[in-house]
Protein backbone atom coordinates (compact mmCIF):
# COMPACT_ATOMS: atom_id res chain seq x y z
CA MET A 1 81.16 -50.13 185.54
CA LYS A 2 77.32 -50.12 185.95
CA ARG A 3 77.11 -46.75 184.04
CA LEU A 4 78.97 -48.24 181.10
CA LEU A 5 76.55 -51.19 180.89
CA PHE A 6 73.54 -48.84 181.05
CA ILE A 7 74.45 -46.89 177.91
CA PRO A 8 74.48 -49.92 175.56
CA GLY A 9 71.11 -50.87 176.92
CA ILE A 10 69.58 -47.60 175.97
CA LEU A 11 71.01 -47.90 172.47
CA LEU A 12 69.43 -51.34 172.06
CA VAL A 13 66.01 -49.98 173.08
CA LEU A 14 66.25 -47.09 170.63
CA ALA A 15 67.20 -49.42 167.80
CA ALA A 16 64.15 -51.58 168.51
CA VAL A 17 61.90 -48.53 168.41
CA LEU A 18 63.33 -47.40 165.09
CA VAL A 19 62.84 -50.81 163.53
CA ALA A 20 59.26 -50.88 164.71
CA CYS A 21 58.58 -47.44 163.24
CA GLY A 22 60.19 -48.37 159.98
CA ALA A 23 57.78 -51.19 159.58
CA GLN A 24 54.78 -48.81 159.48
CA PRO A 25 53.51 -47.56 155.98
CA THR A 26 54.45 -43.98 155.02
CA GLN A 27 51.55 -41.49 155.15
CA ALA A 28 50.91 -39.37 151.96
CA PRO A 29 51.19 -35.62 152.53
CA THR A 30 47.86 -33.91 152.95
CA GLN A 31 48.82 -31.07 150.48
CA ALA A 32 51.35 -30.48 147.75
CA PRO A 33 54.63 -29.02 148.92
CA THR A 34 54.99 -25.30 148.33
CA GLN A 35 57.18 -24.48 145.28
CA LEU A 36 59.51 -21.50 145.32
CA PRO A 37 58.60 -18.84 142.68
CA THR A 38 60.78 -18.84 139.58
CA GLU A 39 62.01 -15.62 137.91
CA ALA A 40 60.56 -14.78 134.49
CA PRO A 41 63.15 -15.12 131.72
CA THR A 42 64.82 -11.83 130.79
CA VAL A 43 63.53 -10.53 127.43
CA ALA A 44 65.97 -8.46 125.43
CA PRO A 45 64.53 -5.14 124.17
CA ALA A 46 63.50 -5.16 120.54
CA PRO A 47 66.11 -3.81 118.13
CA LEU A 48 65.57 -0.16 117.27
CA SER A 49 64.48 0.68 113.76
CA GLY A 50 64.82 4.08 112.14
CA ASP A 51 66.94 6.29 109.93
CA ALA A 52 70.52 6.69 111.15
CA LEU A 53 71.31 9.23 108.39
CA LEU A 54 68.41 11.39 109.52
CA GLY A 55 69.81 11.00 113.03
CA GLY A 56 73.04 12.61 111.79
CA LYS A 57 71.10 15.70 110.69
CA LEU A 58 69.16 15.79 113.94
CA TYR A 59 72.46 15.67 115.83
CA ASP A 60 73.64 18.65 113.76
CA SER A 61 70.46 20.70 114.24
CA TRP A 62 67.14 19.10 115.08
CA LEU A 63 65.68 22.61 115.17
CA GLU A 64 66.41 23.18 111.48
CA GLU A 65 65.57 19.64 110.40
CA LEU A 66 62.21 19.60 112.19
CA ALA A 67 61.47 23.32 111.64
CA ALA A 68 60.92 23.43 115.40
CA GLU A 69 61.34 25.98 118.14
CA ALA A 70 63.54 25.33 121.14
CA PRO A 71 62.41 26.10 124.69
CA VAL A 72 62.96 29.71 125.69
CA ASP A 73 65.52 28.91 128.39
CA ASN A 74 68.91 27.26 128.09
CA GLN A 75 69.14 23.48 128.13
CA PRO A 76 69.30 22.55 131.87
CA LEU A 77 72.85 21.17 131.67
CA TRP A 78 74.20 24.32 130.04
CA SER A 79 74.88 25.93 133.41
CA THR A 80 77.77 23.46 133.82
CA SER A 81 79.32 24.47 130.48
CA THR A 82 82.67 26.21 130.25
CA SER A 83 80.91 28.60 127.84
CA ALA A 84 77.88 29.28 130.01
CA ALA A 85 78.78 32.94 130.40
CA THR A 86 79.48 33.55 126.69
CA ASP A 87 77.08 34.77 124.05
CA VAL A 88 75.52 31.46 123.00
CA ALA A 89 71.87 31.71 121.97
CA PRO A 90 69.54 29.63 124.20
CA GLU A 91 68.31 27.57 121.25
CA GLU A 92 71.88 26.54 120.41
CA THR A 93 72.33 25.06 123.88
CA TRP A 94 69.71 22.45 122.93
CA LEU A 95 71.68 21.16 119.94
CA CYS A 96 73.67 17.94 120.35
CA VAL A 97 76.53 19.32 118.28
CA THR A 98 76.95 22.37 120.53
CA CYS A 99 77.90 20.18 123.48
CA HIS A 100 79.41 17.09 121.88
CA GLY A 101 81.17 18.68 118.92
CA VAL A 102 81.31 18.35 115.16
CA ASP A 103 84.26 16.00 115.65
CA TYR A 104 82.43 14.05 118.41
CA ASN A 105 85.20 14.88 120.89
CA GLY A 106 83.07 17.20 123.01
CA ASP A 107 82.80 20.97 123.09
CA ASN A 108 82.09 23.78 125.56
CA GLY A 109 83.31 21.64 128.46
CA PHE A 110 81.08 18.63 127.74
CA PRO A 111 82.33 15.09 127.00
CA GLY A 112 82.51 13.64 123.52
CA ILE A 113 80.55 10.66 122.23
CA LEU A 114 83.29 8.70 120.45
CA ALA A 115 83.10 6.07 123.20
CA ASP A 116 79.40 5.59 122.40
CA ALA A 117 80.08 4.43 118.84
CA GLY A 118 78.80 0.88 118.45
CA LYS A 119 76.96 0.79 121.78
CA ASP A 120 73.53 -0.80 122.07
CA PRO A 121 71.10 1.72 120.52
CA ASN A 122 68.53 0.97 123.22
CA GLU A 123 71.04 2.01 125.87
CA LEU A 124 71.80 5.19 123.92
CA LEU A 125 68.09 5.92 123.53
CA ALA A 126 67.65 5.60 127.28
CA ILE A 127 70.44 8.13 127.85
CA LEU A 128 68.73 10.55 125.46
CA LYS A 129 65.59 10.14 127.56
CA GLY A 130 67.38 10.94 130.81
CA SER A 131 68.38 7.53 132.22
CA SER A 132 71.85 8.74 133.23
CA ASP A 133 70.79 12.29 134.11
CA PRO A 134 67.22 13.66 134.16
CA LYS A 135 68.57 16.97 132.82
CA HIS A 136 69.57 15.12 129.64
CA ASP A 137 65.99 14.12 128.84
CA PHE A 138 65.13 15.33 125.33
CA SER A 139 61.77 13.57 125.11
CA SER A 140 60.00 16.90 125.63
CA VAL A 141 61.39 18.32 122.36
CA MET A 142 61.69 15.21 120.16
CA ASP A 143 59.52 12.13 119.89
CA ASP A 144 60.68 8.54 120.43
CA GLN A 145 61.36 7.90 116.75
CA GLN A 146 63.50 10.99 116.37
CA LEU A 147 65.49 10.09 119.47
CA ALA A 148 65.82 6.53 118.14
CA ASP A 149 67.24 7.94 114.91
CA ILE A 150 69.89 9.83 116.89
CA ALA A 151 70.70 6.67 118.88
CA LEU A 152 71.13 4.72 115.63
CA PHE A 153 73.35 7.47 114.24
CA MET A 154 75.55 7.25 117.33
CA ASN A 155 75.67 3.47 117.04
CA GLN A 156 76.51 3.36 113.33
CA TYR A 157 78.16 6.57 112.18
CA VAL A 158 80.02 8.30 115.01
CA MET A 159 83.68 7.99 114.09
CA ASP A 160 87.18 9.34 114.57
CA ILE A 161 87.41 11.95 111.79
CA THR A 162 91.17 12.55 112.01
CA PRO A 163 91.90 10.38 108.93
CA ILE A 164 89.78 12.91 106.96
CA VAL A 165 90.14 16.24 108.77
CA LYS A 166 92.91 17.00 111.23
CA ASP A 167 94.16 20.26 112.75
CA GLY A 168 91.55 22.21 110.81
CA LYS A 169 92.58 20.91 107.38
CA PRO A 170 91.60 18.03 105.10
CA VAL A 171 94.12 15.20 105.14
CA ASN A 172 95.95 14.66 101.81
CA GLY A 173 93.04 16.07 99.82
CA ASP A 174 93.06 15.83 96.02
CA SER A 175 91.13 18.91 94.83
CA ALA A 176 90.98 17.59 91.25
CA ASN A 177 89.02 14.53 92.35
CA GLY A 178 87.03 16.79 94.65
CA LYS A 179 86.00 18.93 91.68
CA THR A 180 84.84 15.84 89.80
CA LEU A 181 82.72 14.74 92.75
CA PHE A 182 81.30 18.25 93.18
CA ASP A 183 80.50 18.68 89.47
CA ASP A 184 78.77 15.31 89.35
CA THR A 185 76.65 15.80 92.48
CA CYS A 186 76.34 19.38 93.72
CA THR A 187 76.22 21.95 90.90
CA ASP A 188 72.47 21.82 90.21
CA CYS A 189 71.85 23.50 93.56
CA HIS A 190 75.13 25.19 94.47
CA GLY A 191 76.29 26.29 91.01
CA PRO A 192 79.76 25.79 89.51
CA GLN A 193 81.43 27.96 92.17
CA ALA A 194 79.21 26.91 95.08
CA ILE A 195 77.82 30.42 95.65
CA ALA A 196 74.23 29.91 94.47
CA ILE A 197 73.01 29.35 98.07
CA ASN A 198 73.96 31.62 100.96
CA PHE A 199 73.41 29.73 104.24
CA HIS A 200 73.40 32.88 106.39
CA SER A 201 72.03 36.40 106.08
CA ASP A 202 73.88 38.73 103.73
CA SER A 203 75.26 40.55 106.77
CA GLU A 204 77.59 37.57 107.20
CA PRO A 205 77.46 35.42 104.05
CA GLU A 206 78.33 31.76 104.36
CA TYR A 207 78.95 29.51 101.38
CA PRO A 208 80.47 26.00 101.22
CA ALA A 209 83.91 27.57 100.77
CA THR A 210 83.41 29.57 103.95
CA ILE A 211 82.85 26.41 105.97
CA ALA A 212 85.61 24.51 104.16
CA ASN A 213 88.12 27.15 105.21
CA GLU A 214 86.81 27.99 108.68
CA ASN A 215 85.46 24.68 109.99
CA PRO A 216 86.11 21.69 107.70
CA ALA A 217 85.01 19.27 110.45
CA GLU A 218 81.55 20.88 110.35
CA LEU A 219 81.51 20.62 106.57
CA LEU A 220 82.40 16.94 106.80
CA GLY A 221 79.27 16.29 108.84
CA LYS A 222 77.09 18.08 106.30
CA LEU A 223 78.73 16.21 103.41
CA ARG A 224 78.15 12.87 105.14
CA PHE A 225 74.53 13.40 106.22
CA GLY A 226 73.21 16.48 104.41
CA VAL A 227 72.24 19.93 105.66
CA PRO A 228 69.42 20.01 108.23
CA GLY A 229 66.26 21.46 106.74
CA MET A 230 67.36 20.73 103.15
CA PRO A 231 65.80 17.31 102.46
CA ASP A 232 67.03 17.04 98.89
CA MET A 233 70.71 17.51 99.61
CA PRO A 234 72.31 14.11 98.92
CA SER A 235 74.23 12.25 101.59
CA GLY A 236 77.82 11.29 100.88
CA ILE A 237 77.19 8.03 102.73
CA ASP A 238 74.32 7.25 100.36
CA ASN A 239 76.62 8.23 97.48
CA GLY A 240 79.12 5.64 98.63
CA TRP A 241 81.91 8.17 99.11
CA ALA A 242 85.06 6.84 100.75
CA GLU A 243 86.94 8.69 103.49
CA LYS A 244 89.40 10.07 100.96
CA ASP A 245 86.56 11.43 98.81
CA TYR A 246 85.47 13.68 101.66
CA ALA A 247 88.98 15.05 102.08
CA ASP A 248 89.16 15.63 98.33
CA ILE A 249 85.88 17.54 98.04
CA ILE A 250 86.67 19.68 101.11
CA SER A 251 90.03 20.54 99.52
CA PHE A 252 88.29 21.61 96.32
CA LEU A 253 85.60 23.66 98.07
CA ALA A 254 88.27 25.54 100.01
CA THR A 255 89.51 27.00 96.68
CA LEU A 256 86.12 28.56 95.77
CA PRO A 257 84.80 32.08 96.50
CA THR A 258 83.56 33.00 99.98
CA SER A 259 81.55 36.00 98.75
CA SER A 260 79.40 37.06 95.81
CA PRO A 261 79.20 40.86 95.72
CA LEU A 262 77.01 41.00 92.59
CA THR A 263 74.18 38.74 93.78
CA GLU A 264 74.46 39.92 97.38
CA GLY A 265 74.14 43.48 96.11
CA GLY A 266 71.09 42.48 94.07
CA ARG A 267 69.41 41.15 97.19
CA LEU A 268 70.29 44.32 99.10
CA TYR A 269 68.67 46.39 96.33
CA ASP A 270 65.55 44.22 96.53
CA ASN A 271 65.19 44.36 100.33
CA TRP A 272 68.26 45.01 102.46
CA LEU A 273 66.14 44.76 105.60
CA ALA A 274 65.37 41.10 104.91
CA ALA A 275 68.79 40.37 103.41
CA LEU A 276 70.62 41.63 106.50
CA ASP A 277 67.93 40.52 108.96
CA VAL A 278 67.63 43.97 110.52
CA THR A 279 64.85 46.40 111.34
CA SER A 280 64.39 49.71 109.60
CA PRO A 281 64.81 53.11 111.25
CA ASP A 282 61.67 54.67 112.69
CA GLY A 283 59.42 56.48 110.24
CA ASN A 284 59.66 56.93 106.49
CA GLN A 285 62.90 57.33 104.62
CA PRO A 286 63.49 61.14 104.67
CA LEU A 287 63.00 61.51 100.91
CA TRP A 288 59.63 59.72 100.99
CA THR A 289 57.12 62.49 101.60
CA GLY A 290 54.13 61.06 99.76
CA PRO A 291 51.46 58.56 100.88
CA LEU A 292 52.39 55.02 101.92
CA THR A 293 51.46 53.42 98.63
CA SER A 294 53.51 51.83 95.88
CA ASN A 295 52.09 50.73 92.55
CA GLY A 296 48.66 51.48 93.96
CA GLU A 297 49.08 49.20 97.00
CA ASP A 298 49.49 50.10 100.64
CA ILE A 299 52.99 49.65 102.03
CA GLY A 300 54.61 49.99 105.43
CA ALA A 301 57.03 52.71 106.47
CA GLU A 302 59.86 50.16 106.37
CA ASP A 303 59.28 49.66 102.64
CA THR A 304 60.16 53.30 101.98
CA TRP A 305 63.74 52.39 102.91
CA ARG A 306 64.03 49.75 100.17
CA CYS A 307 65.96 50.73 97.05
CA SER A 308 63.47 48.85 94.86
CA SER A 309 60.53 50.88 96.21
CA CYS A 310 61.97 54.13 94.87
CA HIS A 311 64.05 53.09 91.87
CA GLY A 312 61.83 50.31 90.55
CA TRP A 313 62.11 46.68 89.51
CA ASP A 314 62.86 47.89 86.00
CA TYR A 315 65.51 50.29 87.42
CA LYS A 316 63.77 53.20 85.69
CA GLY A 317 62.35 54.81 88.80
CA ALA A 318 59.07 54.54 90.74
CA GLU A 319 56.82 56.76 92.84
CA GLY A 320 58.30 59.88 91.26
CA PHE A 321 61.94 58.94 91.98
CA THR A 322 64.67 58.70 89.36
CA GLY A 323 65.93 55.47 87.88
CA ILE A 324 69.44 54.04 88.07
CA LEU A 325 69.90 52.40 84.67
CA ASP A 326 72.74 54.78 83.90
CA ALA A 327 74.61 53.74 87.05
CA SER A 328 76.72 51.20 85.14
CA SER A 329 78.57 54.08 83.50
CA LYS A 330 79.40 55.78 86.81
CA SER A 331 82.49 55.28 88.94
CA SER A 332 82.50 53.47 92.27
CA GLU A 333 83.34 56.75 93.99
CA GLU A 334 80.36 58.58 92.51
CA LEU A 335 77.91 55.81 93.32
CA THR A 336 79.26 55.55 96.85
CA ALA A 337 78.75 59.28 97.25
CA TRP A 338 75.06 58.83 96.45
CA LEU A 339 74.74 56.15 99.15
CA ASP A 340 76.75 57.73 101.95
CA GLY A 341 74.99 61.09 101.79
CA SER A 342 77.83 63.03 100.15
CA LYS A 343 75.58 63.90 97.19
CA ASN A 344 72.39 64.27 99.21
CA ALA A 345 72.26 64.23 103.01
CA SER A 346 68.74 62.78 102.95
CA HIS A 347 70.04 59.80 100.96
CA ASN A 348 72.61 58.81 103.59
CA PHE A 349 72.41 55.08 104.34
CA THR A 350 75.58 54.76 106.43
CA ALA A 351 73.54 54.51 109.62
CA VAL A 352 72.02 51.24 108.39
CA LEU A 353 74.52 49.91 105.83
CA ASN A 354 78.23 49.42 106.46
CA ALA A 355 81.00 50.06 103.96
CA GLU A 356 80.91 46.49 102.67
CA ASP A 357 77.14 46.64 102.13
CA ILE A 358 77.50 49.87 100.17
CA SER A 359 80.32 48.35 98.13
CA ARG A 360 78.10 45.39 97.21
CA LEU A 361 75.29 47.71 96.14
CA VAL A 362 77.79 49.58 93.96
CA THR A 363 78.90 46.30 92.37
CA PHE A 364 75.26 45.43 91.63
CA MET A 365 74.58 48.83 90.05
CA GLN A 366 77.70 48.60 87.88
CA GLN A 367 77.31 44.98 86.78
CA GLY A 368 73.78 43.74 87.42
CA LEU A 369 71.39 46.24 85.85
CA VAL A 370 69.54 45.00 82.78
CA ASP A 371 67.32 47.11 80.54
CA LYS A 372 64.39 44.70 80.46
CA THR A 373 63.02 45.66 77.06
CA PHE A 374 62.03 42.00 76.54
CA ILE A 375 59.15 42.54 78.99
CA ASN A 376 56.21 44.14 77.22
CA ALA A 377 53.73 46.68 78.52
CA ASP A 378 51.16 43.92 79.09
CA ASN A 379 53.74 41.93 81.12
CA THR A 380 54.24 39.29 78.44
CA VAL A 381 57.77 38.32 77.44
CA THR A 382 59.36 38.52 74.01
CA GLY A 383 62.08 36.15 72.87
CA GLY A 384 61.81 33.51 75.59
CA ASP A 385 62.00 29.73 75.14
CA ALA A 386 59.52 28.18 77.56
CA ALA A 387 60.69 24.61 76.88
CA HIS A 388 64.27 25.47 77.82
CA GLY A 389 63.04 27.48 80.78
CA LYS A 390 61.12 24.43 81.97
CA GLN A 391 64.30 22.34 81.88
CA LEU A 392 66.14 24.89 84.03
CA PHE A 393 63.21 25.28 86.42
CA LEU A 394 62.80 21.54 86.95
CA ALA A 395 66.55 21.08 87.46
CA SER A 396 67.01 23.79 90.08
CA CYS A 397 63.70 25.25 91.27
CA LYS A 398 61.31 22.32 91.51
CA THR A 399 62.80 21.07 94.79
CA CYS A 400 61.43 24.03 96.73
CA HIS A 401 58.63 25.31 94.51
CA GLY A 402 57.28 22.06 93.04
CA PRO A 403 56.78 21.32 89.33
CA GLU A 404 53.89 23.81 89.13
CA GLY A 405 55.47 26.44 91.40
CA LYS A 406 52.79 26.07 94.08
CA LEU A 407 54.60 24.54 97.06
CA ILE A 408 55.35 27.98 98.51
CA ASN A 409 52.62 30.59 98.92
CA PHE A 410 54.22 34.06 99.10
CA ALA A 411 50.97 35.82 100.03
CA GLU A 412 50.91 37.54 103.39
CA GLY A 413 47.90 37.09 105.63
CA GLU A 414 45.19 34.46 105.45
CA GLY A 415 43.31 33.56 102.32
CA GLY A 416 45.68 35.02 99.74
CA THR A 417 47.54 33.08 97.09
CA GLU A 418 50.75 34.14 95.40
CA TYR A 419 52.79 31.50 93.65
CA VAL A 420 55.68 31.49 91.21
CA GLY A 421 53.21 31.84 88.33
CA THR A 422 51.46 34.74 90.07
CA VAL A 423 54.66 36.78 90.44
CA ALA A 424 55.83 35.92 86.91
CA ASN A 425 52.59 37.19 85.39
CA GLU A 426 51.78 40.13 87.65
CA SER A 427 55.28 41.42 88.37
CA PRO A 428 57.69 40.01 85.77
CA PHE A 429 60.31 42.72 86.45
CA GLU A 430 60.41 41.67 90.11
CA PHE A 431 60.48 38.00 89.13
CA PHE A 432 63.50 38.63 86.90
CA ASN A 433 65.36 40.27 89.78
CA LYS A 434 64.66 37.41 92.19
CA ALA A 435 65.46 34.74 89.61
CA SER A 436 68.80 36.46 88.99
CA PHE A 437 69.90 37.27 92.54
CA GLY A 438 67.70 35.21 94.88
CA GLN A 439 65.09 36.10 97.46
CA PRO A 440 66.47 38.20 100.36
CA GLY A 441 66.55 36.43 103.70
CA THR A 442 66.06 32.94 102.26
CA HIS A 443 68.14 30.13 100.80
CA MET A 444 66.67 30.69 97.33
CA LEU A 445 69.15 29.95 94.56
CA ALA A 446 70.66 32.89 92.68
CA GLY A 447 70.29 32.11 88.98
CA LEU A 448 73.40 34.05 88.01
CA ASN A 449 75.43 31.92 90.42
CA LEU A 450 73.97 28.77 88.91
CA GLY A 451 75.67 29.83 85.71
CA TRP A 452 72.50 31.13 84.06
CA ASN A 453 72.98 33.89 81.49
CA LEU A 454 70.50 36.59 80.47
CA GLN A 455 68.75 34.35 77.94
CA ASP A 456 68.43 31.54 80.48
CA ILE A 457 66.63 33.84 82.92
CA ILE A 458 64.35 35.13 80.17
CA ASP A 459 63.52 31.50 79.34
CA VAL A 460 62.75 30.66 82.99
CA LEU A 461 60.48 33.74 83.21
CA THR A 462 58.72 32.69 79.99
CA PHE A 463 58.07 29.22 81.39
CA ALA A 464 57.00 30.57 84.79
CA GLN A 465 54.28 32.61 83.08
CA THR A 466 52.68 29.29 82.01
CA LEU A 467 52.38 28.13 85.64
CA PRO A 468 49.18 28.41 87.71
CA THR A 469 48.49 31.73 89.40
CA GLN A 470 45.89 30.37 91.84
């Protein structure tokens, strides 16, 4: 009982103490209480700006678009490809399209990018710079703006193409509407049959019809964004073409020629080494026994293998060799016999030209030779209309050569100048050949495949002779 009375007593004492303490004034703290640090507000990255259409061309081939060189070795991720052991050139392993496909579904064992459509461009840019895998860092070969353009392309224009192209064919294409679209937009550069520009070497010609038949999904990408390295090709997106328009134009292109024996043969006559992208045999052509000069200028041994070196730009012969102007009256069999060594063993080109090459040369000799009597002894031209020639030149040639023909300098070595006007005035026979058939080994338009006739080419030559030579 005493213990029970003791406990309430203690409680009463404690209460008294607490009351006494509560009566005292509260002391101010000697220093401000420490505040916990607050996190800085998250700032969203600035929206990317750039050219998504250009990004589409960079995705196709940034090497062509930027006129750049790829690293010597394969792209680091290529070793994981299902095609790593196949004959894929190292530079191609650096192209987005090689791994992710023209249809965006992936290729060569790599994933597609359809799932990336609409994603935050900043996130896509980070992936292109190696955020998800350091081996996927392309900042060593493209700058930030170019990578941003690709990210914007992926955000805006990657799409499921099956409503347009499916199973290697355009879907419900209307070739009549395709022809209208092509005629309205494409003929100034590609000509009425789309064979004015050969995208590959003449050893394996490639025209729009080639792609339309062999890989319409690839053609769709080029129609939407343009061809890398060809800045003046219009974009179907800029043109406002609908999905069906693409199917229609692919259907029309698939009906056009995939070869042009006449103009291809003309380029082989000019310089089959450049046209086929091959090297010449060692030494002079067996029939060339004289000095290494042509028209008074030094030439290399490889030039002795060119048809034009021996038979002339006027087709009447050069350096003591006979001309070929009468070839148009000869049969294919006889002309072939001159090229395969049957007529003369020293004139056997079968070691360097295949049967198709020889057939194209025969076609050129039968159909493409012109007696250029309109070119005078002093290199002036008779019967040309310079005003009309100017119209043709500005419509089809200005893009590459400029309005004065000076954007490309053909001169070899440093310090020389050779422009369109230079060639037209100093070598009009050669100019006529190149204006008709194109420049071997380049994408130069072939006038004959633009629909130009003999008078048109004379008119273009007449105008070109008014252009600057220096």
